[in-house]
């Protein structure tokens, strides 16, 4: 999934999950058993939804295959911090002025 697509794509997925929650009963489904899944780039979306407060309560289980939004290169903390900041901003847990470097506790807590 290209970086420019994250915001639009995630909003589309969230809207789809809201629709499923509203109408699943009409198809014999159960809102307490909604599972989302993604493979490769789709797995990135599932991973980002897992840490987003906007997706809270919209699904119960997730399956991630062959991908993660958190790619850590242990030898390069600068890249890790920059990537973590980008993910935190994408899910609404950080901003350029409220960043993970200066406010690690609150940002990480939001990501959880």
PDB file of N, CA and C in Angstrom:
ATOM      1  N   UNK A   1       0.859  -1.170   0.000  1.00  0.00           N
ATOM      2  CA  UNK A   1       0.000   0.000   0.000  1.00  0.00           C
ATOM      3  C   UNK A   1       0.905   1.233   0.000  1.00  0.00           C
ATOM      4  N   UNK A   2       0.782   2.099  -0.991  1.00  0.00           N
ATOM      5  CA  UNK A   2       1.609   3.302  -1.016  1.00  0.00           C
ATOM      6  C   UNK A   2       1.311   4.197   0.182  1.00  0.00           C
ATOM      7  N   UNK A   3       2.354   4.906   0.637  1.00  0.00           N
ATOM      8  CA  UNK A   3       2.217   5.772   1.807  1.00  0.00           C
ATOM      9  C   UNK A   3       1.099   6.795   1.601  1.00  0.00           C
ATOM     10  N   UNK A   4       0.972   7.367   0.404  1.00  0.00           N
ATOM     11  CA  UNK A   4      -0.039   8.399   0.174  1.00  0.00           C
ATOM     12  C   UNK A   4      -1.452   7.851   0.334  1.00  0.00           C
ATOM     13  N   UNK A   5      -1.601   6.556   0.265  1.00  0.00           N
ATOM     14  CA  UNK A   5      -2.929   5.945   0.351  1.00  0.00           C
ATOM     15  C   UNK A   5      -3.366   5.700   1.787  1.00  0.00           C
ATOM     16  N   UNK A   6      -2.434   5.661   2.732  1.00  0.00           N
ATOM     17  CA  UNK A   6      -2.776   5.262   4.091  1.00  0.00           C
ATOM     18  C   UNK A   6      -3.994   5.983   4.640  1.00  0.00           C
ATOM     19  N   UNK A   7      -3.989   7.299   4.615  1.00  0.00           N
ATOM     20  CA  UNK A   7      -5.077   8.038   5.253  1.00  0.00           C
ATOM     21  C   UNK A   7      -6.417   7.745   4.577  1.00  0.00           C
ATOM     22  N   UNK A   8      -6.470   7.891   3.260  1.00  0.00           N
ATOM     23  CA  UNK A   8      -7.722   7.635   2.537  1.00  0.00           C
ATOM     24  C   UNK A   8      -8.147   6.181   2.670  1.00  0.00           C
ATOM     25  N   UNK A   9      -7.200   5.274   2.506  1.00  0.00           N
ATOM     26  CA  UNK A   9      -7.534   3.844   2.566  1.00  0.00           C
ATOM     27  C   UNK A   9      -8.032   3.456   3.947  1.00  0.00           C
ATOM     28  N   UNK A  10      -7.379   3.952   4.988  1.00  0.00           N
ATOM     29  CA  UNK A  10      -7.807   3.613   6.340  1.00  0.00           C
ATOM     30  C   UNK A  10      -9.183   4.184   6.641  1.00  0.00           C
ATOM     31  N   UNK A  11      -9.471   5.394   6.162  1.00  0.00           N
ATOM     32  CA  UNK A  11     -10.813   5.954   6.375  1.00  0.00           C
ATOM     33  C   UNK A  11     -11.860   5.097   5.675  1.00  0.00           C
ATOM     34  N   UNK A  12     -11.536   4.621   4.466  1.00  0.00           N
ATOM     35  CA  UNK A  12     -12.469   3.741   3.745  1.00  0.00           C
ATOM     36  C   UNK A  12     -12.710   2.450   4.515  1.00  0.00           C
ATOM     37  N   UNK A  13     -11.639   1.872   5.054  1.00  0.00           N
ATOM     38  CA  UNK A  13     -11.776   0.629   5.818  1.00  0.00           C
ATOM     39  C   UNK A  13     -12.612   0.871   7.070  1.00  0.00           C
ATOM     40  N   UNK A  14     -12.352   1.972   7.768  1.00  0.00           N
ATOM     41  CA  UNK A  14     -13.132   2.293   8.971  1.00  0.00           C
ATOM     42  C   UNK A  14     -14.608   2.457   8.637  1.00  0.00           C
ATOM     43  N   UNK A  15     -14.895   3.130   7.536  1.00  0.00           N
ATOM     44  CA  UNK A  15     -16.297   3.313   7.134  1.00  0.00           C
ATOM     45  C   UNK A  15     -16.932   1.969   6.791  1.00  0.00           C
ATOM     46  N   UNK A  16     -16.168   1.102   6.136  1.00  0.00           N
ATOM     47  CA  UNK A  16     -16.659  -0.239   5.842  1.00  0.00           C
ATOM     48  C   UNK A  16     -16.955  -1.030   7.108  1.00  0.00           C
ATOM     49  N   UNK A  17     -16.081  -0.912   8.101  1.00  0.00           N
ATOM     50  CA  UNK A  17     -16.308  -1.606   9.375  1.00  0.00           C
ATOM     51  C   UNK A  17     -17.542  -1.064  10.090  1.00  0.00           C
ATOM     52  N   UNK A  18     -17.763   0.240  10.001  1.00  0.00           N
ATOM     53  CA  UNK A  18     -18.974   0.816  10.599  1.00  0.00           C
ATOM     54  C   UNK A  18     -20.224   0.249   9.920  1.00  0.00           C
ATOM     55  N   UNK A  19     -20.171   0.150   8.587  1.00  0.00           N
ATOM     56  CA  UNK A  19     -21.296  -0.394   7.829  1.00  0.00           C
ATOM     57  C   UNK A  19     -21.549  -1.843   8.239  1.00  0.00           C
ATOM     58  N   UNK A  20     -20.480  -2.637   8.303  1.00  0.00           N
ATOM     59  CA  UNK A  20     -20.622  -4.044   8.696  1.00  0.00           C
ATOM     60  C   UNK A  20     -21.267  -4.150  10.071  1.00  0.00           C
ATOM     61  N   UNK A  21     -20.811  -3.346  11.027  1.00  0.00           N
ATOM     62  CA  UNK A  21     -21.386  -3.384  12.375  1.00  0.00           C
ATOM     63  C   UNK A  21     -22.869  -3.033  12.368  1.00  0.00           C
ATOM     64  N   UNK A  22     -23.249  -2.100  11.512  1.00  0.00           N
ATOM     65  CA  UNK A  22     -24.642  -1.656  11.467  1.00  0.00           C
ATOM     66  C   UNK A  22     -25.558  -2.703  10.825  1.00  0.00           C
ATOM     67  N   UNK A  23     -25.060  -3.394   9.802  1.00  0.00           N
ATOM     68  CA  UNK A  23     -25.934  -4.256   9.005  1.00  0.00           C
ATOM     69  C   UNK A  23     -25.659  -5.753   9.110  1.00  0.00           C
ATOM     70  N   UNK A  24     -24.634  -6.162   9.822  1.00  0.00           N
ATOM     71  CA  UNK A  24     -24.274  -7.584   9.858  1.00  0.00           C
ATOM     72  C   UNK A  24     -25.419  -8.461  10.364  1.00  0.00           C
ATOM     73  N   UNK A  25     -26.210  -7.941  11.273  1.00  0.00           N
ATOM     74  CA  UNK A  25     -27.339  -8.705  11.808  1.00  0.00           C
ATOM     75  C   UNK A  25     -28.355  -9.087  10.748  1.00  0.00           C
ATOM     76  N   UNK A  26     -28.518  -8.245   9.722  1.00  0.00           N
ATOM     77  CA  UNK A  26     -29.464  -8.535   8.648  1.00  0.00           C
ATOM     78  C   UNK A  26     -29.023  -9.726   7.792  1.00  0.00           C
ATOM     79  N   UNK A  27     -27.740 -10.078   7.890  1.00  0.00           N
ATOM     80  CA  UNK A  27     -27.197 -11.195   7.120  1.00  0.00           C
ATOM     81  C   UNK A  27     -26.923 -12.408   8.007  1.00  0.00           C
ATOM     82  N   UNK A  28     -27.432 -12.370   9.238  1.00  0.00           N
ATOM     83  CA  UNK A  28     -27.232 -13.476  10.155  1.00  0.00           C
ATOM     84  C   UNK A  28     -25.909 -13.443  10.889  1.00  0.00           C
ATOM     85  N   UNK A  29     -25.192 -12.329  10.788  1.00  0.00           N
ATOM     86  CA  UNK A  29     -23.896 -12.210  11.445  1.00  0.00           C
ATOM     87  C   UNK A  29     -24.005 -11.686  12.860  1.00  0.00           C
ATOM     88  N   UNK A  30     -22.880 -11.656  13.538  1.00  0.00           N
ATOM     89  CA  UNK A  30     -22.807 -11.292  14.949  1.00  0.00           C
ATOM     90  C   UNK A  30     -21.707 -10.243  15.130  1.00  0.00           C
ATOM     91  N   UNK A  31     -22.059  -9.076  15.634  1.00  0.00           N
ATOM     92  CA  UNK A  31     -21.065  -8.006  15.808  1.00  0.00           C
ATOM     93  C   UNK A  31     -19.950  -8.391  16.781  1.00  0.00           C
ATOM     94  N   UNK A  32     -20.196  -9.352  17.637  1.00  0.00           N
ATOM     95  CA  UNK A  32     -19.156  -9.750  18.590  1.00  0.00           C
ATOM     96  C   UNK A  32     -18.166 -10.743  17.991  1.00  0.00           C
ATOM     97  N   UNK A  33     -18.340 -11.076  16.698  1.00  0.00           N
ATOM     98  CA  UNK A  33     -17.453 -12.051  16.065  1.00  0.00           C
ATOM     99  C   UNK A  33     -16.838 -11.531  14.774  1.00  0.00           C
ATOM    100  N   UNK A  34     -16.766 -10.228  14.593  1.00  0.00           N
ATOM    101  CA  UNK A  34     -16.192  -9.655  13.376  1.00  0.00           C
ATOM    102  C   UNK A  34     -14.673  -9.805  13.418  1.00  0.00           C
ATOM    103  N   UNK A  35     -14.117 -10.359  12.343  1.00  0.00           N
ATOM    104  CA  UNK A  35     -12.673 -10.540  12.201  1.00  0.00           C
ATOM    105  C   UNK A  35     -12.219  -9.802  10.954  1.00  0.00           C
ATOM    106  N   UNK A  36     -11.111  -9.072  11.064  1.00  0.00           N
ATOM    107  CA  UNK A  36     -10.518  -8.444   9.886  1.00  0.00           C
ATOM    108  C   UNK A  36      -9.217  -9.178   9.583  1.00  0.00           C
ATOM    109  N   UNK A  37      -8.854  -9.212   8.308  1.00  0.00           N
ATOM    110  CA  UNK A  37      -7.643  -9.919   7.900  1.00  0.00           C
ATOM    111  C   UNK A  37      -6.982  -9.168   6.762  1.00  0.00           C
ATOM    112  N   UNK A  38      -5.682  -9.312   6.671  1.00  0.00           N
ATOM    113  CA  UNK A  38      -4.949  -8.698   5.585  1.00  0.00           C
ATOM    114  C   UNK A  38      -3.677  -9.465   5.297  1.00  0.00           C
ATOM    115  N   UNK A  39      -3.296  -9.479   4.030  1.00  0.00           N
ATOM    116  CA  UNK A  39      -2.064 -10.131   3.606  1.00  0.00           C
ATOM    117  C   UNK A  39      -1.203  -9.094   2.904  1.00  0.00           C
ATOM    118  N   UNK A  40       0.077  -9.083   3.201  1.00  0.00           N
ATOM    119  CA  UNK A  40       1.045  -8.153   2.627  1.00  0.00           C
ATOM    120  C   UNK A  40       0.647  -6.714   2.979  1.00  0.00           C
ATOM    121  N   UNK A  41       0.338  -5.886   1.991  1.00  0.00           N
ATOM    122  CA  UNK A  41      -0.038  -4.503   2.293  1.00  0.00           C
ATOM    123  C   UNK A  41      -1.327  -4.439   3.108  1.00  0.00           C
ATOM    124  N   UNK A  42      -2.223  -5.392   2.896  1.00  0.00           N
ATOM    125  CA  UNK A  42      -3.444  -5.454   3.695  1.00  0.00           C
ATOM    126  C   UNK A  42      -3.148  -5.706   5.158  1.00  0.00           C
ATOM    127  N   UNK A  43      -2.072  -6.438   5.404  1.00  0.00           N
ATOM    128  CA  UNK A  43      -1.647  -6.688   6.778  1.00  0.00           C
ATOM    129  C   UNK A  43      -1.195  -5.394   7.447  1.00  0.00           C
ATOM    130  N   UNK A  44      -0.595  -4.513   6.673  1.00  0.00           N
ATOM    131  CA  UNK A  44      -0.212  -3.195   7.216  1.00  0.00           C
ATOM    132  C   UNK A  44      -1.463  -2.458   7.690  1.00  0.00           C
ATOM    133  N   UNK A  45      -2.514  -2.496   6.885  1.00  0.00           N
ATOM    134  CA  UNK A  45      -3.763  -1.825   7.263  1.00  0.00           C
ATOM    135  C   UNK A  45      -4.325  -2.406   8.551  1.00  0.00           C
ATOM    136  N   UNK A  46      -4.337  -3.729   8.650  1.00  0.00           N
ATOM    137  CA  UNK A  46      -4.844  -4.385   9.857  1.00  0.00           C
ATOM    138  C   UNK A  46      -4.003  -3.974  11.064  1.00  0.00           C
ATOM    139  N   UNK A  47      -2.679  -3.923  10.887  1.00  0.00           N
ATOM    140  CA  UNK A  47      -1.801  -3.521  11.982  1.00  0.00           C
ATOM    141  C   UNK A  47      -2.041  -2.096  12.437  1.00  0.00           C
ATOM    142  N   UNK A  48      -2.279  -1.202  11.493  1.00  0.00           N
ATOM    143  CA  UNK A  48      -2.558   0.191  11.857  1.00  0.00           C
ATOM    144  C   UNK A  48      -3.915   0.313  12.547  1.00  0.00           C
ATOM    145  N   UNK A  49      -4.893  -0.437  12.091  1.00  0.00           N
ATOM    146  CA  UNK A  49      -6.200  -0.410  12.751  1.00  0.00           C
ATOM    147  C   UNK A  49      -6.107  -0.948  14.176  1.00  0.00           C
ATOM    148  N   UNK A  50      -5.203  -1.880  14.394  1.00  0.00           N
ATOM    149  CA  UNK A  50      -5.050  -2.471  15.728  1.00  0.00           C
ATOM    150  C   UNK A  50      -4.627  -1.443  16.766  1.00  0.00           C
ATOM    151  N   UNK A  51      -3.921  -0.407  16.335  1.00  0.00           N
ATOM    152  CA  UNK A  51      -3.437   0.600  17.284  1.00  0.00           C
ATOM    153  C   UNK A  51      -4.220   1.905  17.206  1.00  0.00           C
ATOM    154  N   UNK A  52      -5.229   1.941  16.366  1.00  0.00           N
ATOM    155  CA  UNK A  52      -6.006   3.170  16.206  1.00  0.00           C
ATOM    156  C   UNK A  52      -7.207   3.203  17.141  1.00  0.00           C
ATOM    157  N   UNK A  53      -7.339   4.277  17.909  1.00  0.00           N
ATOM    158  CA  UNK A  53      -8.540   4.404  18.737  1.00  0.00           C
ATOM    159  C   UNK A  53      -9.810   4.542  17.894  1.00  0.00           C
ATOM    160  N   UNK A  54      -9.672   4.919  16.632  1.00  0.00           N
ATOM    161  CA  UNK A  54     -10.839   5.076  15.758  1.00  0.00           C
ATOM    162  C   UNK A  54     -11.480   3.734  15.411  1.00  0.00           C
ATOM    163  N   UNK A  55     -10.717   2.649  15.515  1.00  0.00           N
ATOM    164  CA  UNK A  55     -11.244   1.321  15.187  1.00  0.00           C
ATOM    165  C   UNK A  55     -11.729   0.569  16.420  1.00  0.00           C
ATOM    166  N   UNK A  56     -11.610   1.182  17.577  1.00  0.00           N
ATOM    167  CA  UNK A  56     -11.983   0.503  18.815  1.00  0.00           C
ATOM    168  C   UNK A  56     -13.453   0.085  18.791  1.00  0.00           C
ATOM    169  N   UNK A  57     -13.685  -1.187  19.071  1.00  0.00           N
ATOM    170  CA  UNK A  57     -15.038  -1.716  19.130  1.00  0.00           C
ATOM    171  C   UNK A  57     -15.645  -2.100  17.790  1.00  0.00           C
ATOM    172  N   UNK A  58     -14.930  -1.858  16.689  1.00  0.00           N
ATOM    173  CA  UNK A  58     -15.485  -2.175  15.373  1.00  0.00           C
ATOM    174  C   UNK A  58     -15.234  -3.618  14.955  1.00  0.00           C
ATOM    175  N   UNK A  59     -14.298  -4.293  15.594  1.00  0.00           N
ATOM    176  CA  UNK A  59     -14.031  -5.695  15.301  1.00  0.00           C
ATOM    177  C   UNK A  59     -13.441  -6.352  16.542  1.00  0.00           C
ATOM    178  N   UNK A  60     -13.427  -7.676  16.552  1.00  0.00           N
ATOM    179  CA  UNK A  60     -12.969  -8.412  17.738  1.00  0.00           C
ATOM    180  C   UNK A  60     -11.659  -9.148  17.521  1.00  0.00           C
ATOM    181  N   UNK A  61     -11.393  -9.580  16.302  1.00  0.00           N
ATOM    182  CA  UNK A  61     -10.201 -10.374  16.023  1.00  0.00           C
ATOM    183  C   UNK A  61      -9.535  -9.858  14.757  1.00  0.00           C
ATOM    184  N   UNK A  62      -8.239 -10.191  14.646  1.00  0.00           N
ATOM    185  CA  UNK A  62      -7.522  -9.800  13.440  1.00  0.00           C
ATOM    186  C   UNK A  62      -6.545 -10.885  13.037  1.00  0.00           C
ATOM    187  N   UNK A  63      -6.285 -10.942  11.740  1.00  0.00           N
ATOM    188  CA  UNK A  63      -5.306 -11.863  11.179  1.00  0.00           C
ATOM    189  C   UNK A  63      -4.379 -11.036  10.302  1.00  0.00           C
ATOM    190  N   UNK A  64      -3.086 -11.091  10.601  1.00  0.00           N
ATOM    191  CA  UNK A  64      -2.081 -10.369   9.813  1.00  0.00           C
ATOM    192  C   UNK A  64      -1.134 -11.395   9.201  1.00  0.00           C
ATOM    193  N   UNK A  65      -0.989 -11.361   7.867  1.00  0.00           N
ATOM    194  CA  UNK A  65      -0.108 -12.290   7.179  1.00  0.00           C
ATOM    195  C   UNK A  65       0.883 -11.535   6.302  1.00  0.00           C
ATOM    196  N   UNK A  66       2.141 -11.827   6.480  1.00  0.00           N
ATOM    197  CA  UNK A  66       3.218 -11.346   5.601  1.00  0.00           C
ATOM    198  C   UNK A  66       3.362  -9.835   5.566  1.00  0.00           C
ATOM    199  N   UNK A  67       3.186  -9.170   6.684  1.00  0.00           N
ATOM    200  CA  UNK A  67       3.411  -7.735   6.694  1.00  0.00           C
ATOM    201  C   UNK A  67       3.084  -7.117   8.025  1.00  0.00           C
ATOM    202  N   UNK A  68       3.732  -5.995   8.284  1.00  0.00           N
ATOM    203  CA  UNK A  68       3.494  -5.253   9.519  1.00  0.00           C
ATOM    204  C   UNK A  68       3.854  -3.797   9.286  1.00  0.00           C
ATOM    205  N   UNK A  69       3.098  -2.872   9.856  1.00  0.00           N
ATOM    206  CA  UNK A  69       3.453  -1.460   9.709  1.00  0.00           C
ATOM    207  C   UNK A  69       4.679  -1.090  10.533  1.00  0.00           C
ATOM    208  N   UNK A  70       5.097  -1.971  11.408  1.00  0.00           N
ATOM    209  CA  UNK A  70       6.245  -1.693  12.262  1.00  0.00           C
ATOM    210  C   UNK A  70       7.421  -2.520  11.773  1.00  0.00           C
ATOM    211  N   UNK A  71       8.281  -1.910  10.987  1.00  0.00           N
ATOM    212  CA  UNK A  71       9.489  -2.576  10.517  1.00  0.00           C
ATOM    213  C   UNK A  71      10.646  -1.967  11.274  1.00  0.00           C
ATOM    214  N   UNK A  72      11.255  -2.765  12.119  1.00  0.00           N
ATOM    215  CA  UNK A  72      12.319  -2.243  12.968  1.00  0.00           C
ATOM    216  C   UNK A  72      13.679  -2.732  12.497  1.00  0.00           C
ATOM    217  N   UNK A  73      14.549  -1.800  12.220  1.00  0.00           N
ATOM    218  CA  UNK A  73      15.943  -2.107  11.913  1.00  0.00           C
ATOM    219  C   UNK A  73      16.738  -1.772  13.166  1.00  0.00           C
ATOM    220  N   UNK A  74      17.079  -2.771  13.934  1.00  0.00           N
ATOM    221  CA  UNK A  74      17.650  -2.573  15.267  1.00  0.00           C
ATOM    222  C   UNK A  74      18.910  -1.720  15.263  1.00  0.00           C
ATOM    223  N   UNK A  75      19.653  -1.745  14.180  1.00  0.00           N
ATOM    224  CA  UNK A  75      20.893  -0.980  14.163  1.00  0.00           C
ATOM    225  C   UNK A  75      20.694   0.500  13.856  1.00  0.00           C
ATOM    226  N   UNK A  76      19.479   0.911  13.548  1.00  0.00           N
ATOM    227  CA  UNK A  76      19.265   2.307  13.183  1.00  0.00           C
ATOM    228  C   UNK A  76      18.084   2.880  13.966  1.00  0.00           C
ATOM    229  N   UNK A  77      18.355   3.401  15.144  1.00  0.00           N
ATOM    230  CA  UNK A  77      17.294   3.953  15.980  1.00  0.00           C
ATOM    231  C   UNK A  77      16.659   5.201  15.387  1.00  0.00           C
ATOM    232  N   UNK A  78      17.410   5.978  14.618  1.00  0.00           N
ATOM    233  CA  UNK A  78      16.862   7.185  14.002  1.00  0.00           C
ATOM    234  C   UNK A  78      15.736   6.815  13.040  1.00  0.00           C
ATOM    235  N   UNK A  79      15.965   5.797  12.220  1.00  0.00           N
ATOM    236  CA  UNK A  79      14.919   5.346  11.296  1.00  0.00           C
ATOM    237  C   UNK A  79      13.735   4.771  12.054  1.00  0.00           C
ATOM    238  N   UNK A  80      14.007   4.000  13.098  1.00  0.00           N
ATOM    239  CA  UNK A  80      12.922   3.419  13.895  1.00  0.00           C
ATOM    240  C   UNK A  80      12.050   4.508  14.497  1.00  0.00           C
ATOM    241  N   UNK A  81      12.688   5.537  15.049  1.00  0.00           N
ATOM    242  CA  UNK A  81      11.950   6.632  15.674  1.00  0.00           C
ATOM    243  C   UNK A  81      11.115   7.381  14.634  1.00  0.00           C
ATOM    244  N   UNK A  82      11.703   7.629  13.461  1.00  0.00           N
ATOM    245  CA  UNK A  82      10.980   8.331  12.398  1.00  0.00           C
ATOM    246  C   UNK A  82       9.780   7.507  11.923  1.00  0.00           C
ATOM    247  N   UNK A  83       9.971   6.195  11.768  1.00  0.00           N
ATOM    248  CA  UNK A  83       8.868   5.339  11.340  1.00  0.00           C
ATOM    249  C   UNK A  83       7.786   5.277  12.415  1.00  0.00           C
ATOM    250  N   UNK A  84       8.195   5.161  13.661  1.00  0.00           N
ATOM    251  CA  UNK A  84       7.225   5.136  14.763  1.00  0.00           C
ATOM    252  C   UNK A  84       6.430   6.432  14.810  1.00  0.00           C
ATOM    253  N   UNK A  85       7.096   7.560  14.579  1.00  0.00           N
ATOM    254  CA  UNK A  85       6.420   8.855  14.558  1.00  0.00           C
ATOM    255  C   UNK A  85       5.386   8.894  13.438  1.00  0.00           C
ATOM    256  N   UNK A  86       5.756   8.402  12.257  1.00  0.00           N
ATOM    257  CA  UNK A  86       4.824   8.405  11.121  1.00  0.00           C
ATOM    258  C   UNK A  86       3.593   7.553  11.413  1.00  0.00           C
ATOM    259  N   UNK A  87       3.818   6.359  11.978  1.00  0.00           N
ATOM    260  CA  UNK A  87       2.688   5.487  12.315  1.00  0.00           C
ATOM    261  C   UNK A  87       1.807   6.165  13.358  1.00  0.00           C
ATOM    262  N   UNK A  88       2.436   6.747  14.386  1.00  0.00           N
ATOM    263  CA  UNK A  88       1.679   7.419  15.450  1.00  0.00           C
ATOM    264  C   UNK A  88       0.858   8.583  14.892  1.00  0.00           C
ATOM    265  N   UNK A  89       1.418   9.330  13.952  1.00  0.00           N
ATOM    266  CA  UNK A  89       0.667  10.430  13.330  1.00  0.00           C
ATOM    267  C   UNK A  89      -0.491   9.891  12.490  1.00  0.00           C
ATOM    268  N   UNK A  90      -0.266   8.793  11.760  1.00  0.00           N
ATOM    269  CA  UNK A  90      -1.310   8.226  10.899  1.00  0.00           C
ATOM    270  C   UNK A  90      -2.533   7.789  11.688  1.00  0.00           C
ATOM    271  N   UNK A  91      -2.318   7.331  12.903  1.00  0.00           N
ATOM    272  CA  UNK A  91      -3.447   6.834  13.698  1.00  0.00           C
ATOM    273  C   UNK A  91      -3.925   7.848  14.728  1.00  0.00           C
ATOM    274  N   UNK A  92      -3.403   9.082  14.657  1.00  0.00           N
ATOM    275  CA  UNK A  92      -3.889  10.151  15.524  1.00  0.00           C
ATOM    276  C   UNK A  92      -3.298  10.187  16.919  1.00  0.00           C
ATOM    277  N   UNK A  93      -2.162   9.532  17.120  1.00  0.00           N
ATOM    278  CA  UNK A  93      -1.539   9.503  18.451  1.00  0.00           C
ATOM    279  C   UNK A  93      -0.402  10.507  18.602  1.00  0.00           C
ATOM    280  N   UNK A  94      -0.014  11.159  17.536  1.00  0.00           N
ATOM    281  CA  UNK A  94       1.095  12.114  17.596  1.00  0.00           C
ATOM    282  C   UNK A  94       0.910  13.163  16.513  1.00  0.00           C
ATOM    283  N   UNK A  95       1.693  14.226  16.627  1.00  0.00           N
ATOM    284  CA  UNK A  95       1.718  15.291  15.625  1.00  0.00           C
ATOM    285  C   UNK A  95       3.154  15.810  15.582  1.00  0.00           C
ATOM    286  N   UNK A  96       3.467  16.696  14.643  1.00  0.00           N
ATOM    287  CA  UNK A  96       4.827  17.237  14.625  1.00  0.00           C
ATOM    288  C   UNK A  96       5.216  17.936  15.930  1.00  0.00           C
ATOM    289  N   UNK A  97       4.256  18.533  16.614  1.00  0.00           N
ATOM    290  CA  UNK A  97       4.579  19.213  17.877  1.00  0.00           C
ATOM    291  C   UNK A  97       4.395  18.320  19.097  1.00  0.00           C
ATOM    292  N   UNK A  98       3.583  17.288  18.991  1.00  0.00           N
ATOM    293  CA  UNK A  98       3.399  16.312  20.080  1.00  0.00           C
ATOM    294  C   UNK A  98       3.967  14.999  19.564  1.00  0.00           C
ATOM    295  N   UNK A  99       5.295  14.873  19.663  1.00  0.00           N
ATOM    296  CA  UNK A  99       5.971  13.767  18.997  1.00  0.00           C
ATOM    297  C   UNK A  99       6.462  12.698  19.962  1.00  0.00           C
ATOM    298  N   UNK A 100       6.786  11.556  19.384  1.00  0.00           N
ATOM    299  CA  UNK A 100       7.191  10.399  20.184  1.00  0.00           C
ATOM    300  C   UNK A 100       8.541  10.606  20.866  1.00  0.00           C
ATOM    301  N   UNK A 101       9.389  11.443  20.293  1.00  0.00           N
ATOM    302  CA  UNK A 101      10.704  11.695  20.901  1.00  0.00           C
ATOM    303  C   UNK A 101      10.563  12.507  22.186  1.00  0.00           C
ATOM    304  N   UNK A 102       9.744  13.552  22.164  1.00  0.00           N
ATOM    305  CA  UNK A 102       9.590  14.428  23.329  1.00  0.00           C
ATOM    306  C   UNK A 102       8.533  13.927  24.314  1.00  0.00           C
ATOM    307  N   UNK A 103       7.558  13.172  23.842  1.00  0.00           N
ATOM    308  CA  UNK A 103       6.456  12.681  24.689  1.00  0.00           C
ATOM    309  C   UNK A 103       6.257  11.174  24.491  1.00  0.00           C
ATOM    310  N   UNK A 104       7.287  10.377  24.748  1.00  0.00           N
ATOM    311  CA  UNK A 104       7.178   8.946  24.449  1.00  0.00           C
ATOM    312  C   UNK A 104       6.079   8.234  25.242  1.00  0.00           C
ATOM    313  N   UNK A 105       5.919   8.556  26.507  1.00  0.00           N
ATOM    314  CA  UNK A 105       4.920   7.871  27.333  1.00  0.00           C
ATOM    315  C   UNK A 105       3.507   8.004  26.802  1.00  0.00           C
ATOM    316  N   UNK A 106       3.008   9.244  26.639  1.00  0.00           N
ATOM    317  CA  UNK A 106       1.632   9.404  26.151  1.00  0.00           C
ATOM    318  C   UNK A 106       1.415   8.871  24.729  1.00  0.00           C
ATOM    319  N   UNK A 107       2.418   9.037  23.867  1.00  0.00           N
ATOM    320  CA  UNK A 107       2.261   8.560  22.490  1.00  0.00           C
ATOM    321  C   UNK A 107       2.198   7.032  22.465  1.00  0.00           C
ATOM    322  N   UNK A 108       3.095   6.386  23.188  1.00  0.00           N
ATOM    323  CA  UNK A 108       3.094   4.920  23.222  1.00  0.00           C
ATOM    324  C   UNK A 108       1.811   4.401  23.870  1.00  0.00           C
ATOM    325  N   UNK A 109       1.358   5.053  24.913  1.00  0.00           N
ATOM    326  CA  UNK A 109       0.108   4.633  25.563  1.00  0.00           C
ATOM    327  C   UNK A 109      -1.066   4.733  24.583  1.00  0.00           C
ATOM    328  N   UNK A 110      -1.100   5.797  23.798  1.00  0.00           N
ATOM    329  CA  UNK A 110      -2.154   5.952  22.790  1.00  0.00           C
ATOM    330  C   UNK A 110      -2.064   4.835  21.748  1.00  0.00           C
ATOM    331  N   UNK A 111      -0.854   4.480  21.348  1.00  0.00           N
ATOM    332  CA  UNK A 111      -0.677   3.421  20.360  1.00  0.00           C
ATOM    333  C   UNK A 111      -1.144   2.062  20.879  1.00  0.00           C
ATOM    334  N   UNK A 112      -1.081   1.883  22.178  1.00  0.00           N
ATOM    335  CA  UNK A 112      -1.520   0.601  22.746  1.00  0.00           C
ATOM    336  C   UNK A 112      -3.016   0.477  22.624  1.00  0.00           C
TER     337      UNK A 112
END
